[in-house]
Amino acid sequence: MQNSIVIKRLKAFVIDYLIILIYIGMLFGGTILISKFFDLKLDNVNPVNGEIIGFATLTLPVILYFTLSENGKYLGTIGKRKIGLQIVNKSLTKASIKQLLLRNCLKFLPWELAHFFIYRLFYFNSLSKTIPDWVLTGLIVSQGLALIYLLCIIFTKNNQSIYELLSRTIVVKTTV
């Protein structure tokens, strides 16, 4: 294991996640304002509607932020740039937009799966119904997948996660 690249990746992740949290805060604030202004009830949202809105306003913009940043001049997000990392293909040249989009869709799959099951958790809870086992199982599976991603980064030869192996990309230290 190359400890330095794993630690650098963790630091870059923390920076990028802080950016995502700021965006989530803005979304939450906007949602509260809009719901108050239009007198909307948010405690019993249909899980399908919640999922569509959540994907369109949170997951998709985050995937696009990562994909477009990694396709840009610096080959990385703000976190990766600050820490000195880049995303490249297996030939150590600029990854294609298709590779980056695949990488980031797979990277955020556990996150989106968790959202899918959380919407159902809140929905069943709002109806005062027993939460089905498949919802709880789905939450556990999504977290398990995220853990597998992390373990792959720590223990594979080139510190690649499943989403990098499948997209044929790799995280490297900045060469400039």
N, C-alpha and C. Protein backbone atom coordinates (compact mmCIF):
# COMPACT_ATOMS: atom_id res chain seq x y z
N MET A 1 0.85 -1.19 0.00
CA MET A 1 0.00 0.00 0.00
C MET A 1 0.88 1.24 0.00
N GLN A 2 0.58 2.17 -0.89
CA GLN A 2 1.29 3.45 -0.91
C GLN A 2 0.55 4.40 0.03
N ASN A 3 1.00 4.46 1.28
CA ASN A 3 0.30 5.24 2.30
C ASN A 3 0.10 6.69 1.87
N SER A 4 1.10 7.29 1.23
CA SER A 4 1.01 8.71 0.92
C SER A 4 -0.14 9.02 -0.03
N ILE A 5 -0.36 8.19 -1.04
CA ILE A 5 -1.45 8.46 -1.99
C ILE A 5 -2.81 8.23 -1.32
N VAL A 6 -2.89 7.23 -0.45
CA VAL A 6 -4.15 6.97 0.27
C VAL A 6 -4.47 8.15 1.18
N ILE A 7 -3.48 8.65 1.90
CA ILE A 7 -3.68 9.80 2.79
C ILE A 7 -4.04 11.04 1.97
N LYS A 8 -3.36 11.24 0.85
CA LYS A 8 -3.67 12.39 -0.02
C LYS A 8 -5.11 12.29 -0.54
N ARG A 9 -5.52 11.10 -0.92
CA ARG A 9 -6.88 10.91 -1.41
C ARG A 9 -7.89 11.23 -0.32
N LEU A 10 -7.61 10.80 0.90
CA LEU A 10 -8.49 11.07 2.03
C LEU A 10 -8.60 12.58 2.27
N LYS A 11 -7.48 13.28 2.23
CA LYS A 11 -7.48 14.73 2.42
C LYS A 11 -8.29 15.42 1.31
N ALA A 12 -8.08 15.00 0.08
CA ALA A 12 -8.81 15.59 -1.05
C ALA A 12 -10.31 15.32 -0.90
N PHE A 13 -10.66 14.13 -0.45
CA PHE A 13 -12.06 13.78 -0.24
C PHE A 13 -12.69 14.69 0.81
N VAL A 14 -11.96 14.95 1.89
CA VAL A 14 -12.49 15.83 2.95
C VAL A 14 -12.77 17.22 2.39
N ILE A 15 -11.85 17.77 1.61
CA ILE A 15 -12.06 19.09 1.01
C ILE A 15 -13.27 19.08 0.09
N ASP A 16 -13.34 18.09 -0.79
CA ASP A 16 -14.47 18.02 -1.73
C ASP A 16 -15.79 17.78 -1.00
N TYR A 17 -15.75 17.00 0.07
CA TYR A 17 -16.98 16.74 0.81
C TYR A 17 -17.46 18.00 1.53
N LEU A 18 -16.52 18.83 2.00
CA LEU A 18 -16.92 20.11 2.60
C LEU A 18 -17.63 20.99 1.57
N ILE A 19 -17.14 20.97 0.34
CA ILE A 19 -17.80 21.72 -0.75
C ILE A 19 -19.21 21.18 -0.98
N ILE A 20 -19.34 19.85 -0.99
CA ILE A 20 -20.65 19.22 -1.16
C ILE A 20 -21.57 19.60 0.00
N LEU A 21 -21.05 19.61 1.22
CA LEU A 21 -21.86 19.97 2.38
C LEU A 21 -22.35 21.42 2.31
N ILE A 22 -21.52 22.31 1.81
CA ILE A 22 -21.95 23.70 1.61
C ILE A 22 -23.10 23.74 0.61
N TYR A 23 -22.95 23.00 -0.48
CA TYR A 23 -24.01 22.93 -1.49
C TYR A 23 -25.30 22.34 -0.89
N ILE A 24 -25.17 21.29 -0.09
CA ILE A 24 -26.33 20.67 0.56
C ILE A 24 -27.00 21.70 1.48
N GLY A 25 -26.20 22.46 2.21
CA GLY A 25 -26.76 23.50 3.07
C GLY A 25 -27.55 24.53 2.29
N MET A 26 -27.02 24.92 1.13
CA MET A 26 -27.73 25.87 0.27
C MET A 26 -29.04 25.26 -0.24
N LEU A 27 -28.99 23.99 -0.64
CA LEU A 27 -30.21 23.31 -1.09
C LEU A 27 -31.24 23.24 0.03
N PHE A 28 -30.78 22.89 1.21
CA PHE A 28 -31.69 22.78 2.36
C PHE A 28 -32.32 24.14 2.66
N GLY A 29 -31.50 25.18 2.70
CA GLY A 29 -32.02 26.52 2.95
C GLY A 29 -33.03 26.95 1.90
N GLY A 30 -32.70 26.68 0.63
CA GLY A 30 -33.62 27.00 -0.46
C GLY A 30 -34.92 26.22 -0.35
N THR A 31 -34.82 24.95 0.03
CA THR A 31 -36.01 24.12 0.19
C THR A 31 -36.91 24.66 1.30
N ILE A 32 -36.31 25.05 2.42
CA ILE A 32 -37.10 25.60 3.54
C ILE A 32 -37.79 26.89 3.11
N LEU A 33 -37.05 27.77 2.44
CA LEU A 33 -37.65 29.03 1.98
C LEU A 33 -38.80 28.81 1.01
N ILE A 34 -38.59 27.94 0.04
CA ILE A 34 -39.64 27.66 -0.95
C ILE A 34 -40.84 27.01 -0.29
N SER A 35 -40.60 26.07 0.62
CA SER A 35 -41.73 25.39 1.28
C SER A 35 -42.53 26.37 2.14
N LYS A 36 -41.86 27.31 2.79
CA LYS A 36 -42.57 28.32 3.59
C LYS A 36 -43.35 29.27 2.68
N PHE A 37 -42.70 29.71 1.61
CA PHE A 37 -43.32 30.67 0.69
C PHE A 37 -44.57 30.09 0.03
N PHE A 38 -44.50 28.82 -0.38
CA PHE A 38 -45.62 28.18 -1.06
C PHE A 38 -46.47 27.31 -0.12
N ASP A 39 -46.16 27.34 1.17
CA ASP A 39 -46.88 26.55 2.18
C ASP A 39 -46.94 25.07 1.80
N LEU A 40 -45.76 24.52 1.46
CA LEU A 40 -45.66 23.11 1.07
C LEU A 40 -45.41 22.24 2.31
N LYS A 41 -46.00 21.07 2.32
CA LYS A 41 -45.79 20.10 3.39
C LYS A 41 -44.73 19.10 2.92
N LEU A 42 -43.61 19.07 3.60
CA LEU A 42 -42.51 18.20 3.18
C LEU A 42 -42.39 16.92 3.99
N ASP A 43 -43.30 16.73 4.96
CA ASP A 43 -43.17 15.57 5.83
C ASP A 43 -43.74 14.28 5.25
N ASN A 44 -44.45 14.34 4.15
CA ASN A 44 -45.04 13.14 3.57
C ASN A 44 -44.87 13.14 2.05
N VAL A 45 -43.65 13.35 1.60
CA VAL A 45 -43.36 13.38 0.17
C VAL A 45 -43.31 11.96 -0.37
N ASN A 46 -43.95 11.75 -1.50
CA ASN A 46 -43.89 10.46 -2.18
C ASN A 46 -42.41 10.11 -2.44
N PRO A 47 -41.97 8.89 -2.13
CA PRO A 47 -40.55 8.57 -2.28
C PRO A 47 -40.05 8.65 -3.72
N VAL A 48 -40.91 8.39 -4.69
CA VAL A 48 -40.48 8.50 -6.10
C VAL A 48 -40.22 9.97 -6.44
N ASN A 49 -41.12 10.85 -6.03
CA ASN A 49 -40.92 12.28 -6.27
C ASN A 49 -39.68 12.78 -5.54
N GLY A 50 -39.51 12.35 -4.30
CA GLY A 50 -38.34 12.74 -3.53
C GLY A 50 -37.05 12.28 -4.18
N GLU A 51 -37.07 11.06 -4.69
CA GLU A 51 -35.88 10.51 -5.36
C GLU A 51 -35.55 11.30 -6.62
N ILE A 52 -36.54 11.61 -7.42
CA ILE A 52 -36.31 12.36 -8.66
C ILE A 52 -35.77 13.75 -8.33
N ILE A 53 -36.39 14.42 -7.38
CA ILE A 53 -35.94 15.77 -6.99
C ILE A 53 -34.53 15.71 -6.39
N GLY A 54 -34.30 14.73 -5.51
CA GLY A 54 -32.99 14.58 -4.90
C GLY A 54 -31.90 14.28 -5.91
N PHE A 55 -32.20 13.42 -6.87
CA PHE A 55 -31.21 13.09 -7.90
C PHE A 55 -30.91 14.31 -8.76
N ALA A 56 -31.97 15.01 -9.18
CA ALA A 56 -31.80 16.16 -10.08
C ALA A 56 -31.09 17.33 -9.41
N THR A 57 -31.32 17.52 -8.11
CA THR A 57 -30.76 18.69 -7.45
C THR A 57 -29.49 18.41 -6.65
N LEU A 58 -29.22 17.15 -6.33
CA LEU A 58 -28.04 16.84 -5.52
C LEU A 58 -27.08 15.89 -6.22
N THR A 59 -27.52 14.69 -6.49
CA THR A 59 -26.61 13.68 -7.03
C THR A 59 -26.07 14.06 -8.40
N LEU A 60 -26.94 14.43 -9.31
CA LEU A 60 -26.50 14.77 -10.66
C LEU A 60 -25.53 15.96 -10.67
N PRO A 61 -25.82 17.06 -9.97
CA PRO A 61 -24.84 18.14 -9.93
C PRO A 61 -23.49 17.73 -9.32
N VAL A 62 -23.51 16.88 -8.31
CA VAL A 62 -22.26 16.42 -7.70
C VAL A 62 -21.47 15.57 -8.69
N ILE A 63 -22.15 14.65 -9.38
CA ILE A 63 -21.48 13.83 -10.40
C ILE A 63 -20.89 14.72 -11.48
N LEU A 64 -21.65 15.71 -11.91
CA LEU A 64 -21.15 16.62 -12.95
C LEU A 64 -19.98 17.46 -12.45
N TYR A 65 -20.03 17.91 -11.20
CA TYR A 65 -18.90 18.66 -10.63
C TYR A 65 -17.62 17.83 -10.70
N PHE A 66 -17.70 16.58 -10.26
CA PHE A 66 -16.52 15.71 -10.28
C PHE A 66 -16.08 15.43 -11.72
N THR A 67 -17.02 15.08 -12.57
CA THR A 67 -16.67 14.72 -13.95
C THR A 67 -16.06 15.89 -14.71
N LEU A 68 -16.70 17.04 -14.65
CA LEU A 68 -16.20 18.21 -15.39
C LEU A 68 -14.89 18.73 -14.80
N SER A 69 -14.75 18.69 -13.49
CA SER A 69 -13.48 19.11 -12.86
C SER A 69 -12.34 18.17 -13.26
N GLU A 70 -12.62 16.88 -13.27
CA GLU A 70 -11.59 15.91 -13.62
C GLU A 70 -11.28 15.90 -15.11
N ASN A 71 -12.18 16.47 -15.89
CA ASN A 71 -11.95 16.59 -17.33
C ASN A 71 -11.30 17.94 -17.69
N GLY A 72 -11.19 18.82 -16.72
CA GLY A 72 -10.67 20.16 -16.95
C GLY A 72 -9.16 20.21 -17.01
N LYS A 73 -8.66 21.42 -16.99
CA LYS A 73 -7.23 21.70 -17.13
C LYS A 73 -6.39 20.98 -16.08
N TYR A 74 -6.89 20.91 -14.84
CA TYR A 74 -6.10 20.35 -13.74
C TYR A 74 -6.36 18.86 -13.49
N LEU A 75 -7.27 18.27 -14.23
CA LEU A 75 -7.58 16.84 -14.13
C LEU A 75 -8.03 16.43 -12.74
N GLY A 76 -8.66 17.35 -12.03
CA GLY A 76 -9.11 17.00 -10.69
C GLY A 76 -10.04 18.04 -10.11
N THR A 77 -10.71 17.65 -9.06
CA THR A 77 -11.61 18.53 -8.32
C THR A 77 -10.78 19.54 -7.52
N ILE A 78 -11.45 20.45 -6.85
CA ILE A 78 -10.75 21.42 -6.01
C ILE A 78 -9.91 20.71 -4.95
N GLY A 79 -10.49 19.69 -4.33
CA GLY A 79 -9.76 18.94 -3.31
C GLY A 79 -8.52 18.27 -3.88
N LYS A 80 -8.66 17.63 -5.01
CA LYS A 80 -7.51 16.96 -5.63
C LYS A 80 -6.44 17.98 -6.03
N ARG A 81 -6.85 19.12 -6.57
CA ARG A 81 -5.88 20.16 -6.95
C ARG A 81 -5.11 20.66 -5.74
N LYS A 82 -5.82 20.93 -4.65
CA LYS A 82 -5.17 21.46 -3.43
C LYS A 82 -4.17 20.46 -2.86
N ILE A 83 -4.47 19.18 -2.98
CA ILE A 83 -3.63 18.14 -2.39
C ILE A 83 -2.58 17.63 -3.37
N GLY A 84 -2.74 17.94 -4.66
CA GLY A 84 -1.75 17.53 -5.65
C GLY A 84 -2.01 16.17 -6.28
N LEU A 85 -3.28 15.93 -6.62
CA LEU A 85 -3.66 14.67 -7.27
C LEU A 85 -4.35 14.95 -8.60
N GLN A 86 -4.31 13.97 -9.48
CA GLN A 86 -5.00 14.05 -10.77
C GLN A 86 -5.64 12.70 -11.08
N ILE A 87 -6.66 12.76 -11.94
CA ILE A 87 -7.28 11.53 -12.46
C ILE A 87 -6.80 11.38 -13.91
N VAL A 88 -6.22 10.23 -14.20
CA VAL A 88 -5.74 9.94 -15.55
C VAL A 88 -6.21 8.54 -15.96
N ASN A 89 -6.00 8.20 -17.23
CA ASN A 89 -6.35 6.85 -17.67
C ASN A 89 -5.17 5.92 -17.39
N LYS A 90 -5.32 4.66 -17.76
CA LYS A 90 -4.29 3.66 -17.47
C LYS A 90 -2.97 3.95 -18.18
N SER A 91 -3.03 4.74 -19.27
CA SER A 91 -1.81 5.12 -20.00
C SER A 91 -1.17 6.37 -19.39
N LEU A 92 -1.74 6.85 -18.29
CA LEU A 92 -1.27 8.03 -17.57
C LEU A 92 -1.42 9.32 -18.39
N THR A 93 -2.43 9.31 -19.28
CA THR A 93 -2.78 10.52 -20.02
C THR A 93 -4.20 10.91 -19.63
N LYS A 94 -4.65 12.03 -20.14
CA LYS A 94 -5.97 12.53 -19.77
C LYS A 94 -7.05 11.49 -20.05
N ALA A 95 -7.87 11.22 -19.04
CA ALA A 95 -8.98 10.28 -19.19
C ALA A 95 -10.06 10.92 -20.05
N SER A 96 -10.80 10.09 -20.76
CA SER A 96 -11.88 10.61 -21.60
C SER A 96 -13.08 10.99 -20.74
N ILE A 97 -13.92 11.84 -21.28
CA ILE A 97 -15.13 12.24 -20.56
C ILE A 97 -16.00 11.02 -20.26
N LYS A 98 -16.03 10.06 -21.18
CA LYS A 98 -16.80 8.83 -20.97
C LYS A 98 -16.25 8.04 -19.78
N GLN A 99 -14.92 7.93 -19.68
CA GLN A 99 -14.31 7.23 -18.55
C GLN A 99 -14.63 7.94 -17.23
N LEU A 100 -14.55 9.26 -17.25
CA LEU A 100 -14.79 10.04 -16.04
C LEU A 100 -16.26 9.98 -15.61
N LEU A 101 -17.15 10.03 -16.58
CA LEU A 101 -18.57 9.93 -16.26
C LEU A 101 -18.89 8.56 -15.67
N LEU A 102 -18.35 7.50 -16.27
CA LEU A 102 -18.53 6.15 -15.73
C LEU A 102 -17.94 6.07 -14.32
N ARG A 103 -16.73 6.57 -14.16
CA ARG A 103 -16.05 6.56 -12.86
C ARG A 103 -16.93 7.20 -11.78
N ASN A 104 -17.46 8.37 -12.09
CA ASN A 104 -18.21 9.11 -11.07
C ASN A 104 -19.62 8.58 -10.87
N CYS A 105 -20.24 8.05 -11.90
CA CYS A 105 -21.55 7.40 -11.70
C CYS A 105 -21.39 6.19 -10.77
N LEU A 106 -20.35 5.39 -11.00
CA LEU A 106 -20.10 4.24 -10.14
C LEU A 106 -19.66 4.68 -8.75
N LYS A 107 -18.85 5.72 -8.68
CA LYS A 107 -18.36 6.23 -7.39
C LYS A 107 -19.51 6.65 -6.49
N PHE A 108 -20.51 7.31 -7.06
CA PHE A 108 -21.62 7.80 -6.25
C PHE A 108 -22.82 6.86 -6.22
N LEU A 109 -22.66 5.66 -6.77
CA LEU A 109 -23.73 4.66 -6.72
C LEU A 109 -24.14 4.32 -5.28
N PRO A 110 -23.20 4.05 -4.36
CA PRO A 110 -23.64 3.76 -2.98
C PRO A 110 -24.40 4.93 -2.35
N TRP A 111 -23.98 6.14 -2.66
CA TRP A 111 -24.63 7.35 -2.14
C TRP A 111 -26.06 7.43 -2.66
N GLU A 112 -26.24 7.20 -3.95
CA GLU A 112 -27.58 7.27 -4.54
C GLU A 112 -28.46 6.12 -4.04
N LEU A 113 -27.87 4.94 -3.89
CA LEU A 113 -28.64 3.82 -3.33
C LEU A 113 -29.10 4.14 -1.92
N ALA A 114 -28.23 4.74 -1.13
CA ALA A 114 -28.61 5.13 0.23
C ALA A 114 -29.77 6.12 0.19
N HIS A 115 -29.70 7.09 -0.71
CA HIS A 115 -30.81 8.05 -0.85
C HIS A 115 -32.11 7.33 -1.20
N PHE A 116 -32.02 6.39 -2.12
CA PHE A 116 -33.20 5.63 -2.55
C PHE A 116 -33.88 5.00 -1.33
N PHE A 117 -33.09 4.35 -0.50
CA PHE A 117 -33.66 3.65 0.65
C PHE A 117 -34.03 4.60 1.79
N ILE A 118 -33.32 5.69 1.94
CA ILE A 118 -33.67 6.68 2.97
C ILE A 118 -35.02 7.31 2.67
N TYR A 119 -35.29 7.61 1.40
CA TYR A 119 -36.61 8.17 1.04
C TYR A 119 -37.72 7.19 1.43
N ARG A 120 -37.48 5.92 1.22
CA ARG A 120 -38.49 4.92 1.59
C ARG A 120 -38.61 4.79 3.11
N LEU A 121 -37.49 4.89 3.79
CA LEU A 121 -37.50 4.84 5.25
C LEU A 121 -38.38 5.96 5.82
N PHE A 122 -38.16 7.18 5.34
CA PHE A 122 -38.96 8.31 5.81
C PHE A 122 -40.43 8.17 5.40
N TYR A 123 -40.65 7.64 4.21
CA TYR A 123 -42.02 7.48 3.72
C TYR A 123 -42.81 6.52 4.61
N PHE A 124 -42.25 5.34 4.86
CA PHE A 124 -42.95 4.37 5.69
C PHE A 124 -43.11 4.89 7.12
N ASN A 125 -42.10 5.59 7.60
CA ASN A 125 -42.17 6.16 8.94
C ASN A 125 -43.27 7.23 9.01
N SER A 126 -43.42 8.05 7.96
CA SER A 126 -44.44 9.10 7.97
C SER A 126 -45.86 8.52 7.96
N LEU A 127 -45.99 7.30 7.46
CA LEU A 127 -47.29 6.64 7.45
C LEU A 127 -47.51 5.80 8.71
N SER A 128 -46.56 5.87 9.62
CA SER A 128 -46.57 5.07 10.86
C SER A 128 -46.66 3.58 10.57
N LYS A 129 -46.02 3.17 9.48
CA LYS A 129 -45.97 1.75 9.12
C LYS A 129 -44.62 1.18 9.52
N THR A 130 -44.60 -0.12 9.71
CA THR A 130 -43.35 -0.81 9.99
C THR A 130 -42.46 -0.70 8.76
N ILE A 131 -41.21 -0.37 9.00
CA ILE A 131 -40.26 -0.24 7.89
C ILE A 131 -39.93 -1.65 7.39
N PRO A 132 -40.14 -1.91 6.10
CA PRO A 132 -39.87 -3.25 5.56
C PRO A 132 -38.39 -3.61 5.66
N ASP A 133 -38.14 -4.89 5.80
CA ASP A 133 -36.76 -5.38 5.90
C ASP A 133 -35.95 -5.02 4.67
N TRP A 134 -36.59 -5.00 3.48
CA TRP A 134 -35.83 -4.71 2.26
C TRP A 134 -35.27 -3.29 2.28
N VAL A 135 -35.93 -2.37 2.96
CA VAL A 135 -35.42 -0.99 3.07
C VAL A 135 -34.16 -0.99 3.94
N LEU A 136 -34.23 -1.65 5.09
CA LEU A 136 -33.08 -1.70 5.99
C LEU A 136 -31.92 -2.47 5.34
N THR A 137 -32.25 -3.55 4.64
CA THR A 137 -31.22 -4.33 3.93
C THR A 137 -30.55 -3.46 2.87
N GLY A 138 -31.34 -2.70 2.15
CA GLY A 138 -30.79 -1.81 1.12
C GLY A 138 -29.85 -0.77 1.70
N LEU A 139 -30.19 -0.23 2.85
CA LEU A 139 -29.31 0.74 3.50
C LEU A 139 -27.98 0.09 3.90
N ILE A 140 -28.05 -1.13 4.42
CA ILE A 140 -26.84 -1.85 4.81
C ILE A 140 -25.99 -2.18 3.58
N VAL A 141 -26.62 -2.63 2.51
CA VAL A 141 -25.89 -2.98 1.28
C VAL A 141 -25.20 -1.74 0.70
N SER A 142 -25.90 -0.61 0.68
CA SER A 142 -25.28 0.60 0.12
C SER A 142 -24.06 1.02 0.93
N GLN A 143 -24.13 0.90 2.25
CA GLN A 143 -22.98 1.24 3.08
C GLN A 143 -21.87 0.20 2.93
N GLY A 144 -22.26 -1.05 2.76
CA GLY A 144 -21.27 -2.10 2.52
C GLY A 144 -20.50 -1.88 1.23
N LEU A 145 -21.20 -1.45 0.20
CA LEU A 145 -20.55 -1.16 -1.08
C LEU A 145 -19.55 -0.01 -0.93
N ALA A 146 -19.93 1.02 -0.20
CA ALA A 146 -19.01 2.14 0.06
C ALA A 146 -17.76 1.66 0.81
N LEU A 147 -17.96 0.76 1.76
CA LEU A 147 -16.83 0.21 2.51
C LEU A 147 -15.91 -0.61 1.60
N ILE A 148 -16.50 -1.39 0.69
CA ILE A 148 -15.70 -2.17 -0.27
C ILE A 148 -14.88 -1.23 -1.15
N TYR A 149 -15.50 -0.13 -1.59
CA TYR A 149 -14.76 0.87 -2.38
C TYR A 149 -13.53 1.34 -1.62
N LEU A 150 -13.72 1.69 -0.34
CA LEU A 150 -12.62 2.18 0.48
C LEU A 150 -11.54 1.12 0.68
N LEU A 151 -11.95 -0.10 0.98
CA LEU A 151 -10.98 -1.17 1.19
C LEU A 151 -10.16 -1.45 -0.07
N CYS A 152 -10.78 -1.34 -1.22
CA CYS A 152 -10.05 -1.51 -2.49
C CYS A 152 -8.97 -0.44 -2.63
N ILE A 153 -9.31 0.80 -2.28
CA ILE A 153 -8.33 1.89 -2.37
C ILE A 153 -7.14 1.60 -1.45
N ILE A 154 -7.41 1.07 -0.30
CA ILE A 154 -6.35 0.80 0.67
C ILE A 154 -5.50 -0.40 0.27
N PHE A 155 -6.13 -1.46 -0.25
CA PHE A 155 -5.42 -2.72 -0.40
C PHE A 155 -5.04 -3.14 -1.82
N THR A 156 -5.54 -2.47 -2.86
CA THR A 156 -5.14 -2.88 -4.21
C THR A 156 -3.76 -2.31 -4.55
N LYS A 157 -3.12 -2.93 -5.50
CA LYS A 157 -1.74 -2.58 -5.86
C LYS A 157 -1.57 -1.10 -6.18
N ASN A 158 -2.44 -0.55 -6.99
CA ASN A 158 -2.34 0.86 -7.40
C ASN A 158 -3.33 1.75 -6.65
N ASN A 159 -3.82 1.26 -5.52
CA ASN A 159 -4.77 2.00 -4.70
C ASN A 159 -5.99 2.45 -5.50
N GLN A 160 -6.52 1.54 -6.30
CA GLN A 160 -7.69 1.82 -7.12
C GLN A 160 -8.93 1.20 -6.50
N SER A 161 -10.02 1.94 -6.58
CA SER A 161 -11.30 1.39 -6.16
C SER A 161 -11.94 0.66 -7.33
N ILE A 162 -13.06 0.02 -7.06
CA ILE A 162 -13.77 -0.72 -8.09
C ILE A 162 -14.16 0.21 -9.24
N TYR A 163 -14.63 1.42 -8.90
CA TYR A 163 -15.06 2.35 -9.94
C TYR A 163 -13.90 2.80 -10.82
N GLU A 164 -12.69 2.81 -10.30
CA GLU A 164 -11.53 3.15 -11.12
C GLU A 164 -11.08 1.97 -11.97
N LEU A 165 -11.15 0.79 -11.41
CA LEU A 165 -10.80 -0.40 -12.19
C LEU A 165 -11.75 -0.55 -13.38
N LEU A 166 -13.05 -0.35 -13.13
CA LEU A 166 -14.03 -0.51 -14.21
C LEU A 166 -13.97 0.62 -15.24
N SER A 167 -13.59 1.81 -14.82
CA SER A 167 -13.51 2.94 -15.76
C SER A 167 -12.11 3.10 -16.35
N ARG A 168 -11.19 2.25 -15.93
CA ARG A 168 -9.81 2.28 -16.41
C ARG A 168 -9.14 3.63 -16.15
N THR A 169 -9.36 4.12 -14.92
CA THR A 169 -8.73 5.37 -14.50
C THR A 169 -7.89 5.12 -13.25
N ILE A 170 -7.05 6.08 -12.94
CA ILE A 170 -6.20 5.95 -11.76
C ILE A 170 -5.93 7.34 -11.20
N VAL A 171 -5.78 7.42 -9.89
CA VAL A 171 -5.44 8.67 -9.21
C VAL A 171 -3.94 8.67 -9.03
N VAL A 172 -3.30 9.76 -9.51
CA VAL A 172 -1.84 9.88 -9.41
C VAL A 172 -1.49 11.24 -8.81
N LYS A 173 -0.26 11.34 -8.32
CA LYS A 173 0.24 12.63 -7.83
C LYS A 173 0.44 13.54 -9.04
N THR A 174 0.18 14.82 -8.84
CA THR A 174 0.34 15.80 -9.89
C THR A 174 1.80 15.82 -10.36
N THR A 175 1.98 15.86 -11.67
CA THR A 175 3.31 15.81 -12.24
C THR A 175 3.92 17.19 -12.47
N VAL A 176 3.12 18.23 -12.38
CA VAL A 176 3.63 19.58 -12.66
C VAL A 176 4.31 20.16 -11.45
